[in-house]
Amino acid sequence: MSVEMILTPAQRDDLRVVAAMMIPASADHDVPGADDPDIQADILATLGRDTGAVAAALDHLARLAGKPLADLDDAARDAVAKEFRATGGAAAATLSRVVLQCYYRDDRVLRSLNLELRAPFPLGYTLEQGDWSQLDPVKARPPMWRKVT
């Protein structure tokens, strides 16, 4: 079953609206918004195991809005988005992750960031060294898992 059949037309419209709210187009940086048709097609094509969570997040948004989010004006959308961030839970986090991952693998976006149009592996990317001491509190915590016997 294709994602188009799993996500309703209203959910796809709301996905486009949410993506545009998250990452609008920028003429200054010459990049599309996350509502760009190519980016939206990538999102729909790669939802896979996240389809259920994304559909749940979009349904939650529509419930908060009282109708499809795409049918609201900008001010009402912003109010719904604020409530959604507070109440969306794991489904909202999944929706955000899906939009971001597809946006930041778009060739136009990578070019604007001066990144090579290639997979990060096997060559990898050089990262600046950070302050590793920030991990000290985490390292000092006792284990949070049960030992396997």
N, C-alpha and C. Protein backbone atom coordinates (compact mmCIF):
# COMPACT_ATOMS: atom_id res chain seq x y z
N MET A 1 0.86 -1.18 0.00
CA MET A 1 0.00 0.00 0.00
C MET A 1 0.90 1.24 0.00
N SER A 2 0.65 2.18 -0.89
CA SER A 2 1.49 3.36 -0.98
C SER A 2 1.12 4.36 0.11
N VAL A 3 2.07 5.26 0.40
CA VAL A 3 1.84 6.27 1.42
C VAL A 3 0.67 7.17 1.03
N GLU A 4 0.54 7.43 -0.29
CA GLU A 4 -0.56 8.28 -0.74
C GLU A 4 -1.90 7.67 -0.33
N MET A 5 -1.97 6.34 -0.28
CA MET A 5 -3.21 5.68 0.11
C MET A 5 -3.36 5.67 1.63
N ILE A 6 -2.26 5.73 2.35
CA ILE A 6 -2.33 5.71 3.81
C ILE A 6 -2.62 7.12 4.34
N LEU A 7 -1.94 8.13 3.80
CA LEU A 7 -2.22 9.51 4.19
C LEU A 7 -3.34 10.04 3.30
N THR A 8 -4.33 10.61 3.93
CA THR A 8 -5.44 11.18 3.18
C THR A 8 -4.99 12.46 2.48
N PRO A 9 -5.76 12.93 1.50
CA PRO A 9 -5.41 14.21 0.88
C PRO A 9 -5.31 15.35 1.90
N ALA A 10 -6.22 15.36 2.88
CA ALA A 10 -6.18 16.41 3.91
C ALA A 10 -4.90 16.29 4.75
N GLN A 11 -4.49 15.07 5.08
CA GLN A 11 -3.25 14.88 5.84
C GLN A 11 -2.05 15.34 5.02
N ARG A 12 -2.04 15.05 3.72
CA ARG A 12 -0.93 15.48 2.86
C ARG A 12 -0.88 17.01 2.79
N ASP A 13 -2.05 17.65 2.71
CA ASP A 13 -2.09 19.11 2.72
C ASP A 13 -1.56 19.66 4.03
N ASP A 14 -1.96 19.04 5.14
CA ASP A 14 -1.49 19.49 6.45
C ASP A 14 0.01 19.26 6.60
N LEU A 15 0.51 18.15 6.07
CA LEU A 15 1.95 17.88 6.10
C LEU A 15 2.71 18.99 5.37
N ARG A 16 2.20 19.39 4.23
CA ARG A 16 2.83 20.46 3.46
C ARG A 16 2.83 21.77 4.26
N VAL A 17 1.72 22.08 4.92
CA VAL A 17 1.60 23.31 5.70
C VAL A 17 2.55 23.27 6.90
N VAL A 18 2.58 22.15 7.61
CA VAL A 18 3.48 22.02 8.77
C VAL A 18 4.93 22.16 8.34
N ALA A 19 5.28 21.52 7.23
CA ALA A 19 6.65 21.59 6.74
C ALA A 19 7.04 23.03 6.41
N ALA A 20 6.12 23.77 5.78
CA ALA A 20 6.39 25.18 5.45
C ALA A 20 6.53 26.03 6.70
N MET A 21 5.76 25.70 7.74
CA MET A 21 5.88 26.44 9.00
C MET A 21 7.22 26.16 9.67
N MET A 22 7.66 24.91 9.57
CA MET A 22 8.95 24.54 10.18
C MET A 22 10.12 25.18 9.46
N ILE A 23 10.10 25.09 8.13
CA ILE A 23 11.23 25.59 7.32
C ILE A 23 10.66 26.32 6.11
N PRO A 24 10.50 27.64 6.24
CA PRO A 24 10.02 28.40 5.08
C PRO A 24 11.13 28.58 4.04
N ALA A 25 10.74 28.87 2.82
CA ALA A 25 11.71 29.14 1.77
C ALA A 25 12.50 30.41 2.12
N SER A 26 13.73 30.48 1.64
CA SER A 26 14.57 31.65 1.89
C SER A 26 15.20 32.13 0.59
N ALA A 27 14.80 33.31 0.15
CA ALA A 27 15.40 33.90 -1.05
C ALA A 27 16.84 34.32 -0.75
N ASP A 28 17.10 34.75 0.50
CA ASP A 28 18.46 35.17 0.89
C ASP A 28 19.46 34.04 0.72
N HIS A 29 19.06 32.83 1.05
CA HIS A 29 19.96 31.67 0.98
C HIS A 29 19.70 30.81 -0.25
N ASP A 30 18.73 31.23 -1.05
CA ASP A 30 18.36 30.53 -2.28
C ASP A 30 18.05 29.07 -2.02
N VAL A 31 17.18 28.83 -1.03
CA VAL A 31 16.76 27.47 -0.71
C VAL A 31 15.24 27.40 -0.67
N PRO A 32 14.71 26.24 -1.03
CA PRO A 32 13.26 26.07 -0.97
C PRO A 32 12.82 25.87 0.48
N GLY A 33 11.53 26.00 0.68
CA GLY A 33 10.97 25.63 1.97
C GLY A 33 10.74 24.12 2.00
N ALA A 34 10.44 23.60 3.17
CA ALA A 34 10.20 22.17 3.29
C ALA A 34 8.88 21.76 2.64
N ASP A 35 8.10 22.74 2.18
CA ASP A 35 6.86 22.43 1.46
C ASP A 35 7.10 22.29 -0.04
N ASP A 36 8.34 22.40 -0.49
CA ASP A 36 8.69 22.25 -1.89
C ASP A 36 8.18 20.89 -2.39
N PRO A 37 7.63 20.84 -3.60
CA PRO A 37 7.09 19.57 -4.11
C PRO A 37 8.10 18.42 -4.11
N ASP A 38 9.35 18.69 -4.46
CA ASP A 38 10.37 17.62 -4.46
C ASP A 38 10.63 17.10 -3.05
N ILE A 39 10.69 18.01 -2.09
CA ILE A 39 10.93 17.60 -0.70
C ILE A 39 9.72 16.86 -0.15
N GLN A 40 8.53 17.34 -0.48
CA GLN A 40 7.32 16.64 -0.05
C GLN A 40 7.26 15.24 -0.65
N ALA A 41 7.63 15.10 -1.90
CA ALA A 41 7.64 13.77 -2.54
C ALA A 41 8.63 12.85 -1.84
N ASP A 42 9.79 13.39 -1.45
CA ASP A 42 10.78 12.59 -0.72
C ASP A 42 10.23 12.16 0.63
N ILE A 43 9.55 13.06 1.32
CA ILE A 43 8.96 12.72 2.62
C ILE A 43 7.97 11.57 2.45
N LEU A 44 7.06 11.71 1.50
CA LEU A 44 6.05 10.68 1.29
C LEU A 44 6.66 9.35 0.86
N ALA A 45 7.69 9.42 0.05
CA ALA A 45 8.31 8.20 -0.46
C ALA A 45 9.11 7.45 0.59
N THR A 46 9.56 8.16 1.62
CA THR A 46 10.45 7.52 2.60
C THR A 46 9.86 7.40 4.00
N LEU A 47 8.56 7.64 4.16
CA LEU A 47 7.95 7.54 5.49
C LEU A 47 8.15 6.16 6.12
N GLY A 48 7.88 5.12 5.37
CA GLY A 48 8.10 3.76 5.86
C GLY A 48 7.49 3.52 7.22
N ARG A 49 8.33 3.08 8.16
CA ARG A 49 7.85 2.72 9.50
C ARG A 49 7.32 3.91 10.30
N ASP A 50 7.60 5.13 9.84
CA ASP A 50 7.13 6.32 10.54
C ASP A 50 5.74 6.77 10.09
N THR A 51 5.16 6.07 9.14
CA THR A 51 3.87 6.48 8.58
C THR A 51 2.80 6.59 9.66
N GLY A 52 2.71 5.60 10.52
CA GLY A 52 1.68 5.62 11.56
C GLY A 52 1.83 6.79 12.51
N ALA A 53 3.05 7.06 12.94
CA ALA A 53 3.29 8.17 13.87
C ALA A 53 3.02 9.51 13.19
N VAL A 54 3.43 9.63 11.94
CA VAL A 54 3.19 10.89 11.20
C VAL A 54 1.69 11.09 10.99
N ALA A 55 0.97 10.04 10.63
CA ALA A 55 -0.48 10.15 10.46
C ALA A 55 -1.14 10.53 11.78
N ALA A 56 -0.67 9.94 12.87
CA ALA A 56 -1.23 10.28 14.20
C ALA A 56 -0.95 11.74 14.54
N ALA A 57 0.24 12.22 14.23
CA ALA A 57 0.57 13.62 14.50
C ALA A 57 -0.30 14.55 13.67
N LEU A 58 -0.51 14.21 12.42
CA LEU A 58 -1.34 15.04 11.55
C LEU A 58 -2.81 15.02 12.00
N ASP A 59 -3.28 13.87 12.46
CA ASP A 59 -4.64 13.78 13.00
C ASP A 59 -4.77 14.62 14.27
N HIS A 60 -3.74 14.58 15.11
CA HIS A 60 -3.75 15.38 16.34
C HIS A 60 -3.80 16.87 16.00
N LEU A 61 -3.03 17.27 15.01
CA LEU A 61 -3.06 18.67 14.56
C LEU A 61 -4.46 19.06 14.09
N ALA A 62 -5.07 18.21 13.30
CA ALA A 62 -6.42 18.51 12.79
C ALA A 62 -7.44 18.59 13.93
N ARG A 63 -7.29 17.72 14.94
CA ARG A 63 -8.20 17.80 16.10
C ARG A 63 -8.02 19.11 16.84
N LEU A 64 -6.76 19.51 17.04
CA LEU A 64 -6.50 20.79 17.73
C LEU A 64 -7.06 21.96 16.93
N ALA A 65 -6.97 21.87 15.60
CA ALA A 65 -7.44 22.95 14.74
C ALA A 65 -8.96 22.94 14.59
N GLY A 66 -9.59 21.78 14.83
CA GLY A 66 -11.03 21.66 14.62
C GLY A 66 -11.39 21.44 13.16
N LYS A 67 -10.40 21.41 12.31
CA LYS A 67 -10.56 21.15 10.88
C LYS A 67 -9.15 21.00 10.33
N PRO A 68 -9.00 20.72 9.05
CA PRO A 68 -7.64 20.60 8.52
C PRO A 68 -6.83 21.87 8.76
N LEU A 69 -5.60 21.71 9.17
CA LEU A 69 -4.71 22.84 9.45
C LEU A 69 -4.58 23.73 8.22
N ALA A 70 -4.57 23.13 7.05
CA ALA A 70 -4.42 23.89 5.80
C ALA A 70 -5.57 24.88 5.59
N ASP A 71 -6.71 24.66 6.26
CA ASP A 71 -7.87 25.54 6.10
C ASP A 71 -7.84 26.75 7.02
N LEU A 72 -6.84 26.83 7.91
CA LEU A 72 -6.75 27.94 8.86
C LEU A 72 -5.91 29.08 8.31
N ASP A 73 -6.11 30.29 8.86
CA ASP A 73 -5.24 31.40 8.50
C ASP A 73 -3.94 31.29 9.31
N ASP A 74 -2.98 32.12 8.99
CA ASP A 74 -1.64 32.02 9.60
C ASP A 74 -1.67 32.16 11.12
N ALA A 75 -2.45 33.10 11.64
CA ALA A 75 -2.49 33.31 13.09
C ALA A 75 -3.07 32.08 13.80
N ALA A 76 -4.13 31.53 13.25
CA ALA A 76 -4.73 30.33 13.85
C ALA A 76 -3.78 29.14 13.74
N ARG A 77 -3.07 29.02 12.63
CA ARG A 77 -2.08 27.94 12.47
C ARG A 77 -0.99 28.05 13.54
N ASP A 78 -0.52 29.26 13.77
CA ASP A 78 0.53 29.45 14.77
C ASP A 78 0.05 29.04 16.17
N ALA A 79 -1.19 29.37 16.50
CA ALA A 79 -1.74 29.00 17.80
C ALA A 79 -1.86 27.48 17.93
N VAL A 80 -2.32 26.84 16.88
CA VAL A 80 -2.44 25.38 16.89
C VAL A 80 -1.05 24.75 16.99
N ALA A 81 -0.08 25.28 16.25
CA ALA A 81 1.28 24.74 16.29
C ALA A 81 1.88 24.84 17.69
N LYS A 82 1.61 25.93 18.37
CA LYS A 82 2.12 26.10 19.74
C LYS A 82 1.54 25.03 20.67
N GLU A 83 0.25 24.81 20.57
CA GLU A 83 -0.39 23.77 21.39
C GLU A 83 0.11 22.38 21.00
N PHE A 84 0.31 22.17 19.70
CA PHE A 84 0.80 20.89 19.20
C PHE A 84 2.19 20.58 19.75
N ARG A 85 3.06 21.57 19.78
CA ARG A 85 4.41 21.36 20.33
C ARG A 85 4.34 20.94 21.80
N ALA A 86 3.35 21.46 22.52
CA ALA A 86 3.22 21.13 23.94
C ALA A 86 2.55 19.78 24.17
N THR A 87 1.71 19.34 23.24
CA THR A 87 0.92 18.13 23.48
C THR A 87 1.15 17.00 22.49
N GLY A 88 1.98 17.21 21.49
CA GLY A 88 2.14 16.24 20.41
C GLY A 88 2.93 15.00 20.76
N GLY A 89 3.78 15.07 21.77
CA GLY A 89 4.53 13.90 22.21
C GLY A 89 5.44 13.30 21.16
N ALA A 90 5.56 11.98 21.21
CA ALA A 90 6.47 11.25 20.32
C ALA A 90 6.07 11.37 18.86
N ALA A 91 4.77 11.43 18.58
CA ALA A 91 4.33 11.56 17.20
C ALA A 91 4.78 12.89 16.60
N ALA A 92 4.71 13.95 17.40
CA ALA A 92 5.17 15.26 16.93
C ALA A 92 6.67 15.24 16.68
N ALA A 93 7.41 14.57 17.55
CA ALA A 93 8.85 14.46 17.37
C ALA A 93 9.18 13.69 16.09
N THR A 94 8.42 12.64 15.82
CA THR A 94 8.63 11.86 14.59
C THR A 94 8.33 12.71 13.37
N LEU A 95 7.24 13.44 13.40
CA LEU A 95 6.89 14.31 12.28
C LEU A 95 8.01 15.32 12.02
N SER A 96 8.50 15.94 13.06
CA SER A 96 9.59 16.92 12.92
C SER A 96 10.84 16.27 12.34
N ARG A 97 11.19 15.10 12.84
CA ARG A 97 12.40 14.41 12.37
C ARG A 97 12.29 14.06 10.89
N VAL A 98 11.12 13.58 10.49
CA VAL A 98 10.92 13.18 9.10
C VAL A 98 11.08 14.40 8.17
N VAL A 99 10.46 15.51 8.53
CA VAL A 99 10.57 16.72 7.71
C VAL A 99 12.01 17.19 7.64
N LEU A 100 12.67 17.24 8.78
CA LEU A 100 14.06 17.73 8.81
C LEU A 100 15.01 16.84 8.03
N GLN A 101 14.88 15.52 8.18
CA GLN A 101 15.82 14.63 7.49
C GLN A 101 15.68 14.75 5.98
N CYS A 102 14.46 14.88 5.49
CA CYS A 102 14.26 14.99 4.04
C CYS A 102 14.70 16.36 3.54
N TYR A 103 14.46 17.39 4.32
CA TYR A 103 14.88 18.74 3.91
C TYR A 103 16.40 18.81 3.80
N TYR A 104 17.09 18.32 4.80
CA TYR A 104 18.54 18.47 4.83
C TYR A 104 19.29 17.44 3.99
N ARG A 105 18.58 16.65 3.20
CA ARG A 105 19.27 15.82 2.23
C ARG A 105 18.95 16.26 0.81
N ASP A 106 18.19 17.34 0.68
CA ASP A 106 17.89 17.90 -0.63
C ASP A 106 19.16 18.57 -1.19
N ASP A 107 19.45 18.32 -2.46
CA ASP A 107 20.67 18.85 -3.08
C ASP A 107 20.77 20.37 -2.99
N ARG A 108 19.67 21.06 -3.17
CA ARG A 108 19.70 22.53 -3.12
C ARG A 108 20.07 23.03 -1.73
N VAL A 109 19.60 22.35 -0.72
CA VAL A 109 19.92 22.73 0.65
C VAL A 109 21.39 22.42 0.96
N LEU A 110 21.85 21.24 0.54
CA LEU A 110 23.26 20.89 0.75
C LEU A 110 24.18 21.88 0.06
N ARG A 111 23.84 22.30 -1.16
CA ARG A 111 24.67 23.30 -1.85
C ARG A 111 24.71 24.60 -1.07
N SER A 112 23.58 25.01 -0.51
CA SER A 112 23.53 26.28 0.23
C SER A 112 24.39 26.22 1.50
N LEU A 113 24.60 25.01 2.00
CA LEU A 113 25.44 24.81 3.19
C LEU A 113 26.90 24.53 2.81
N ASN A 114 27.19 24.59 1.52
CA ASN A 114 28.54 24.31 1.01
C ASN A 114 29.00 22.91 1.35
N LEU A 115 28.06 21.97 1.29
CA LEU A 115 28.41 20.56 1.51
C LEU A 115 28.42 19.85 0.18
N GLU A 116 29.31 18.89 0.07
CA GLU A 116 29.37 18.09 -1.14
C GLU A 116 28.09 17.28 -1.28
N LEU A 117 27.67 17.09 -2.52
CA LEU A 117 26.47 16.30 -2.78
C LEU A 117 26.86 14.83 -2.80
N ARG A 118 27.02 14.28 -1.62
CA ARG A 118 27.42 12.88 -1.49
C ARG A 118 26.93 12.36 -0.15
N ALA A 119 26.94 11.07 -0.04
CA ALA A 119 26.59 10.46 1.24
C ALA A 119 27.71 10.76 2.25
N PRO A 120 27.39 10.86 3.53
CA PRO A 120 28.42 11.16 4.51
C PRO A 120 29.42 10.02 4.71
N PHE A 121 29.06 8.82 4.31
CA PHE A 121 29.96 7.69 4.49
C PHE A 121 30.34 7.14 3.13
N PRO A 122 31.51 6.65 2.89
CA PRO A 122 32.54 6.29 3.86
C PRO A 122 33.53 7.43 4.16
N LEU A 123 33.46 8.54 3.42
CA LEU A 123 34.45 9.59 3.63
C LEU A 123 34.24 10.38 4.92
N GLY A 124 33.00 10.53 5.33
CA GLY A 124 32.71 11.28 6.54
C GLY A 124 32.87 12.77 6.32
N TYR A 125 32.61 13.53 7.36
CA TYR A 125 32.79 14.98 7.35
C TYR A 125 33.65 15.35 8.55
N THR A 126 34.45 16.39 8.42
CA THR A 126 35.27 16.87 9.52
C THR A 126 34.41 17.70 10.46
N LEU A 127 34.44 17.39 11.72
CA LEU A 127 33.70 18.14 12.72
C LEU A 127 34.67 18.86 13.64
N GLU A 128 34.30 20.07 14.03
CA GLU A 128 35.11 20.80 15.00
C GLU A 128 35.03 20.07 16.33
N GLN A 129 36.15 20.07 17.04
CA GLN A 129 36.15 19.46 18.37
C GLN A 129 35.39 20.38 19.32
N GLY A 130 34.55 19.78 20.13
CA GLY A 130 33.77 20.54 21.10
C GLY A 130 34.33 20.33 22.50
N ASP A 131 33.57 20.77 23.46
CA ASP A 131 33.96 20.65 24.86
C ASP A 131 33.44 19.32 25.39
N TRP A 132 34.31 18.32 25.40
CA TRP A 132 33.92 16.98 25.82
C TRP A 132 33.58 16.91 27.31
N SER A 133 34.01 17.89 28.08
CA SER A 133 33.70 17.87 29.52
C SER A 133 32.20 18.02 29.78
N GLN A 134 31.45 18.46 28.79
CA GLN A 134 30.00 18.57 28.96
C GLN A 134 29.35 17.20 29.13
N LEU A 135 30.05 16.15 28.75
CA LEU A 135 29.53 14.79 28.91
C LEU A 135 29.84 14.21 30.29
N ASP A 136 30.65 14.88 31.08
CA ASP A 136 31.04 14.35 32.39
C ASP A 136 29.85 14.01 33.29
N PRO A 137 28.81 14.85 33.38
CA PRO A 137 27.66 14.48 34.22
C PRO A 137 26.98 13.20 33.74
N VAL A 138 26.94 13.00 32.45
CA VAL A 138 26.32 11.79 31.91
C VAL A 138 27.18 10.58 32.25
N LYS A 139 28.48 10.71 32.08
CA LYS A 139 29.39 9.60 32.38
C LYS A 139 29.37 9.24 33.86
N ALA A 140 29.11 10.23 34.71
CA ALA A 140 29.13 10.01 36.16
C ALA A 140 27.85 9.34 36.67
N ARG A 141 26.80 9.34 35.88
CA ARG A 141 25.55 8.71 36.31
C ARG A 141 25.72 7.21 36.43
N PRO A 142 24.97 6.60 37.33
CA PRO A 142 25.00 5.14 37.40
C PRO A 142 24.31 4.56 36.17
N PRO A 143 24.58 3.31 35.84
CA PRO A 143 23.93 2.70 34.67
C PRO A 143 22.42 2.71 34.82
N MET A 144 21.72 2.88 33.71
CA MET A 144 20.26 2.92 33.71
C MET A 144 19.68 1.65 33.12
N TRP A 145 20.50 0.64 32.95
CA TRP A 145 20.04 -0.59 32.32
C TRP A 145 20.27 -1.77 33.24
N ARG A 146 19.58 -2.82 32.97
CA ARG A 146 19.70 -4.05 33.75
C ARG A 146 20.79 -4.90 33.11
N LYS A 147 21.66 -5.45 33.94
CA LYS A 147 22.74 -6.30 33.42
C LYS A 147 22.16 -7.63 32.92
N VAL A 148 22.69 -8.11 31.82
CA VAL A 148 22.27 -9.37 31.25
C VAL A 148 23.00 -10.48 31.99
N THR A 149 22.26 -11.49 32.37
CA THR A 149 22.90 -12.60 33.09
C THR A 149 23.02 -13.81 32.22
